[in-house]
Amino acid sequence: MKQPSVYIMASCRNGTLYAGVTSNLAQRVWQHREGVVAGFTKQYGCKLLVWFEIADTMDVAITREKQIKSGSRARKIALIEAMNPHWHDLYEQIAHG
C-alpha cells in the first residue's frame, strides 16, 4: 500500500541524520537498515528510524522533506525529540503496525 511519508534516519542518538521521502516507509527503512542501496545512509550508518510523518499526497511529503532538509540540525533534533525523546528505533512500530 502506498502511503507518502517523510522520515529521518540516524546513525545513533545525536549522530548523523538523513531526511528522506517515500511512498512505502517500511520497505524504504528496511533498505536503509540492511544497506542494500549505496548512498549516504549506508556510508554513514544511518540505520535508526527516529522520526516520521505520514502525508496525504506525495507532493505534500516532498514539500515537507524539502522544508526539513533546508532547516538547521537543531530544528531536526527538535522535531525528533518532540516525537521520540529517547531516540528509539521506530522501525518495529511501522513494520508491524
N, C-alpha and C. Protein backbone atom coordinates (compact mmCIF):
# COMPACT_ATOMS: atom_id res chain seq x y z
N MET A 1 0.84 -1.19 0.00
CA MET A 1 0.00 0.00 0.00
C MET A 1 0.88 1.25 0.00
N LYS A 2 0.60 2.14 -0.89
CA LYS A 2 1.38 3.37 -0.97
C LYS A 2 0.85 4.38 0.03
N GLN A 3 1.79 4.92 0.81
CA GLN A 3 1.44 5.91 1.82
C GLN A 3 2.59 6.90 1.89
N PRO A 4 2.44 8.07 1.28
CA PRO A 4 3.52 9.06 1.28
C PRO A 4 3.97 9.40 2.70
N SER A 5 5.28 9.37 2.91
CA SER A 5 5.84 9.63 4.23
C SER A 5 7.16 10.38 4.12
N VAL A 6 7.43 11.16 5.13
CA VAL A 6 8.72 11.83 5.29
C VAL A 6 9.34 11.21 6.54
N TYR A 7 10.66 11.03 6.53
CA TYR A 7 11.28 10.34 7.65
C TYR A 7 12.69 10.85 7.90
N ILE A 8 13.17 10.58 9.10
CA ILE A 8 14.56 10.90 9.45
C ILE A 8 15.20 9.63 10.00
N MET A 9 16.35 9.28 9.43
CA MET A 9 17.17 8.17 9.89
C MET A 9 18.36 8.77 10.63
N ALA A 10 18.89 8.03 11.62
CA ALA A 10 20.05 8.50 12.39
C ALA A 10 21.03 7.35 12.57
N SER A 11 22.30 7.70 12.73
CA SER A 11 23.32 6.68 12.99
C SER A 11 23.28 6.28 14.46
N CYS A 12 22.94 7.21 15.34
CA CYS A 12 22.80 6.98 16.78
C CYS A 12 22.19 8.25 17.35
N ARG A 13 21.93 8.26 18.64
CA ARG A 13 21.38 9.47 19.26
C ARG A 13 22.35 10.63 19.04
N ASN A 14 21.82 11.73 18.52
CA ASN A 14 22.61 12.93 18.20
C ASN A 14 23.71 12.65 17.18
N GLY A 15 23.56 11.60 16.40
CA GLY A 15 24.55 11.26 15.38
C GLY A 15 24.22 11.88 14.03
N THR A 16 24.70 11.24 12.98
CA THR A 16 24.45 11.71 11.61
C THR A 16 22.97 11.51 11.29
N LEU A 17 22.37 12.51 10.64
CA LEU A 17 20.95 12.47 10.30
C LEU A 17 20.74 12.46 8.79
N TYR A 18 19.68 11.80 8.37
CA TYR A 18 19.30 11.78 6.96
C TYR A 18 17.79 11.92 6.88
N ALA A 19 17.32 12.87 6.09
CA ALA A 19 15.88 13.05 5.88
C ALA A 19 15.54 12.55 4.48
N GLY A 20 14.42 11.85 4.38
CA GLY A 20 14.01 11.31 3.09
C GLY A 20 12.51 11.30 2.94
N VAL A 21 12.07 10.90 1.75
CA VAL A 21 10.64 10.80 1.44
C VAL A 21 10.43 9.49 0.69
N THR A 22 9.28 8.87 0.90
CA THR A 22 9.00 7.59 0.26
C THR A 22 7.50 7.36 0.18
N SER A 23 7.10 6.42 -0.66
CA SER A 23 5.69 6.02 -0.71
C SER A 23 5.47 4.72 0.06
N ASN A 24 6.57 4.08 0.51
CA ASN A 24 6.46 2.85 1.29
C ASN A 24 7.50 2.89 2.41
N LEU A 25 7.10 3.43 3.55
CA LEU A 25 8.04 3.69 4.64
C LEU A 25 8.71 2.42 5.17
N ALA A 26 7.94 1.38 5.43
CA ALA A 26 8.52 0.16 5.99
C ALA A 26 9.57 -0.43 5.05
N GLN A 27 9.26 -0.49 3.77
CA GLN A 27 10.22 -1.04 2.80
C GLN A 27 11.47 -0.18 2.70
N ARG A 28 11.29 1.13 2.66
CA ARG A 28 12.44 2.02 2.50
C ARG A 28 13.35 1.98 3.73
N VAL A 29 12.76 1.97 4.91
CA VAL A 29 13.56 1.91 6.13
C VAL A 29 14.32 0.57 6.18
N TRP A 30 13.65 -0.51 5.79
CA TRP A 30 14.33 -1.81 5.74
C TRP A 30 15.55 -1.73 4.82
N GLN A 31 15.40 -1.06 3.66
CA GLN A 31 16.52 -0.91 2.72
C GLN A 31 17.68 -0.15 3.38
N HIS A 32 17.37 0.91 4.11
CA HIS A 32 18.41 1.66 4.81
C HIS A 32 19.08 0.78 5.86
N ARG A 33 18.29 0.07 6.64
CA ARG A 33 18.82 -0.77 7.72
C ARG A 33 19.74 -1.87 7.20
N GLU A 34 19.35 -2.45 6.08
CA GLU A 34 20.12 -3.57 5.52
C GLU A 34 21.27 -3.11 4.62
N GLY A 35 21.30 -1.82 4.30
CA GLY A 35 22.37 -1.29 3.46
C GLY A 35 22.33 -1.79 2.03
N VAL A 36 21.12 -2.08 1.52
CA VAL A 36 21.01 -2.64 0.17
C VAL A 36 21.15 -1.59 -0.93
N VAL A 37 21.04 -0.32 -0.56
CA VAL A 37 21.19 0.75 -1.54
C VAL A 37 22.41 1.59 -1.17
N ALA A 38 23.33 1.72 -2.11
CA ALA A 38 24.52 2.54 -1.85
C ALA A 38 24.10 4.00 -1.71
N GLY A 39 24.80 4.72 -0.87
CA GLY A 39 24.49 6.14 -0.72
C GLY A 39 24.82 6.63 0.68
N PHE A 40 24.27 7.79 1.00
CA PHE A 40 24.58 8.49 2.25
C PHE A 40 24.31 7.63 3.48
N THR A 41 23.10 7.04 3.56
CA THR A 41 22.76 6.30 4.78
C THR A 41 23.65 5.08 4.97
N LYS A 42 24.01 4.43 3.89
CA LYS A 42 24.91 3.27 4.00
C LYS A 42 26.30 3.73 4.42
N GLN A 43 26.79 4.80 3.80
CA GLN A 43 28.13 5.32 4.10
C GLN A 43 28.26 5.76 5.56
N TYR A 44 27.21 6.39 6.09
CA TYR A 44 27.28 6.95 7.44
C TYR A 44 26.56 6.11 8.49
N GLY A 45 26.07 4.94 8.12
CA GLY A 45 25.46 4.04 9.09
C GLY A 45 24.16 4.53 9.70
N CYS A 46 23.37 5.25 8.92
CA CYS A 46 22.08 5.75 9.41
C CYS A 46 21.04 4.63 9.30
N LYS A 47 20.88 3.87 10.38
CA LYS A 47 20.01 2.69 10.35
C LYS A 47 18.82 2.78 11.30
N LEU A 48 18.75 3.85 12.07
CA LEU A 48 17.66 4.00 13.04
C LEU A 48 16.60 4.96 12.51
N LEU A 49 15.36 4.51 12.45
CA LEU A 49 14.25 5.40 12.11
C LEU A 49 13.88 6.13 13.39
N VAL A 50 14.16 7.43 13.44
CA VAL A 50 13.93 8.19 14.67
C VAL A 50 12.75 9.16 14.58
N TRP A 51 12.25 9.40 13.37
CA TRP A 51 11.11 10.30 13.19
C TRP A 51 10.46 10.02 11.86
N PHE A 52 9.13 10.14 11.81
CA PHE A 52 8.43 10.05 10.52
C PHE A 52 7.11 10.80 10.61
N GLU A 53 6.60 11.11 9.46
CA GLU A 53 5.33 11.82 9.35
C GLU A 53 4.63 11.30 8.10
N ILE A 54 3.36 10.94 8.22
CA ILE A 54 2.58 10.47 7.09
C ILE A 54 1.95 11.70 6.42
N ALA A 55 1.94 11.70 5.09
CA ALA A 55 1.37 12.83 4.34
C ALA A 55 0.18 12.35 3.52
N ASP A 56 -0.68 13.28 3.15
CA ASP A 56 -1.86 12.93 2.35
C ASP A 56 -1.49 12.61 0.90
N THR A 57 -0.51 13.35 0.37
CA THR A 57 -0.10 13.14 -1.02
C THR A 57 1.42 13.17 -1.10
N MET A 58 1.96 12.65 -2.19
CA MET A 58 3.41 12.68 -2.38
C MET A 58 3.90 14.12 -2.52
N ASP A 59 3.12 14.98 -3.15
CA ASP A 59 3.52 16.39 -3.29
C ASP A 59 3.69 17.04 -1.91
N VAL A 60 2.77 16.75 -0.99
CA VAL A 60 2.86 17.29 0.37
C VAL A 60 4.11 16.74 1.06
N ALA A 61 4.37 15.44 0.89
CA ALA A 61 5.54 14.80 1.51
C ALA A 61 6.83 15.40 0.98
N ILE A 62 6.91 15.61 -0.32
CA ILE A 62 8.12 16.18 -0.92
C ILE A 62 8.35 17.61 -0.43
N THR A 63 7.29 18.39 -0.35
CA THR A 63 7.40 19.76 0.16
C THR A 63 7.91 19.74 1.60
N ARG A 64 7.36 18.85 2.40
CA ARG A 64 7.78 18.74 3.81
C ARG A 64 9.24 18.29 3.92
N GLU A 65 9.65 17.34 3.08
CA GLU A 65 11.04 16.89 3.09
C GLU A 65 11.98 18.04 2.77
N LYS A 66 11.65 18.84 1.77
CA LYS A 66 12.48 19.99 1.41
C LYS A 66 12.57 20.98 2.57
N GLN A 67 11.44 21.18 3.25
CA GLN A 67 11.42 22.08 4.41
C GLN A 67 12.35 21.56 5.50
N ILE A 68 12.29 20.27 5.77
CA ILE A 68 13.14 19.67 6.81
C ILE A 68 14.60 19.74 6.42
N LYS A 69 14.90 19.37 5.17
CA LYS A 69 16.30 19.37 4.72
C LYS A 69 16.91 20.76 4.73
N SER A 70 16.10 21.78 4.48
CA SER A 70 16.62 23.15 4.45
C SER A 70 16.76 23.74 5.85
N GLY A 71 16.17 23.08 6.84
CA GLY A 71 16.24 23.57 8.22
C GLY A 71 17.57 23.21 8.87
N SER A 72 17.82 23.80 9.99
CA SER A 72 19.07 23.57 10.72
C SER A 72 19.05 22.19 11.39
N ARG A 73 20.23 21.75 11.78
CA ARG A 73 20.34 20.50 12.52
C ARG A 73 19.55 20.60 13.83
N ALA A 74 19.62 21.74 14.48
CA ALA A 74 18.89 21.95 15.74
C ALA A 74 17.38 21.76 15.53
N ARG A 75 16.87 22.22 14.41
CA ARG A 75 15.43 22.05 14.13
C ARG A 75 15.09 20.59 13.88
N LYS A 76 15.99 19.86 13.22
CA LYS A 76 15.76 18.43 13.00
C LYS A 76 15.75 17.69 14.34
N ILE A 77 16.70 18.02 15.20
CA ILE A 77 16.77 17.37 16.52
C ILE A 77 15.52 17.70 17.33
N ALA A 78 15.05 18.93 17.28
CA ALA A 78 13.83 19.31 18.00
C ALA A 78 12.63 18.52 17.48
N LEU A 79 12.56 18.32 16.17
CA LEU A 79 11.48 17.54 15.56
C LEU A 79 11.52 16.11 16.07
N ILE A 80 12.71 15.52 16.06
CA ILE A 80 12.88 14.14 16.54
C ILE A 80 12.48 14.04 18.01
N GLU A 81 13.01 14.94 18.83
CA GLU A 81 12.79 14.83 20.27
C GLU A 81 11.35 15.14 20.69
N ALA A 82 10.61 15.88 19.86
CA ALA A 82 9.20 16.12 20.16
C ALA A 82 8.39 14.82 20.00
N MET A 83 8.77 13.99 19.04
CA MET A 83 8.06 12.73 18.78
C MET A 83 8.70 11.56 19.52
N ASN A 84 10.01 11.59 19.65
CA ASN A 84 10.77 10.43 20.09
C ASN A 84 11.94 10.89 20.99
N PRO A 85 11.63 11.35 22.22
CA PRO A 85 12.66 11.96 23.07
C PRO A 85 13.85 11.06 23.41
N HIS A 86 13.65 9.76 23.36
CA HIS A 86 14.74 8.84 23.70
C HIS A 86 15.42 8.26 22.46
N TRP A 87 15.05 8.75 21.29
CA TRP A 87 15.64 8.33 20.03
C TRP A 87 15.54 6.82 19.81
N HIS A 88 14.41 6.24 20.20
CA HIS A 88 14.21 4.81 19.96
C HIS A 88 14.08 4.56 18.46
N ASP A 89 14.46 3.37 18.03
CA ASP A 89 14.27 2.98 16.64
C ASP A 89 12.78 2.66 16.46
N LEU A 90 12.12 3.40 15.57
CA LEU A 90 10.68 3.26 15.37
C LEU A 90 10.33 2.22 14.29
N TYR A 91 11.31 1.52 13.78
CA TYR A 91 11.08 0.59 12.68
C TYR A 91 10.05 -0.49 13.05
N GLU A 92 10.17 -1.08 14.22
CA GLU A 92 9.23 -2.14 14.60
C GLU A 92 7.81 -1.61 14.65
N GLN A 93 7.65 -0.38 15.06
CA GLN A 93 6.33 0.26 15.14
C GLN A 93 5.68 0.35 13.76
N ILE A 94 6.45 0.66 12.74
CA ILE A 94 5.87 0.81 11.41
C ILE A 94 5.86 -0.50 10.63
N ALA A 95 6.78 -1.40 10.94
CA ALA A 95 6.87 -2.66 10.20
C ALA A 95 5.74 -3.61 10.58
N HIS A 96 5.28 -3.51 11.81
CA HIS A 96 4.25 -4.43 12.28
C HIS A 96 2.97 -3.73 12.72
N GLY A 97 2.85 -2.48 12.30
CA GLY A 97 1.63 -1.74 12.62
C GLY A 97 1.65 -1.31 14.00
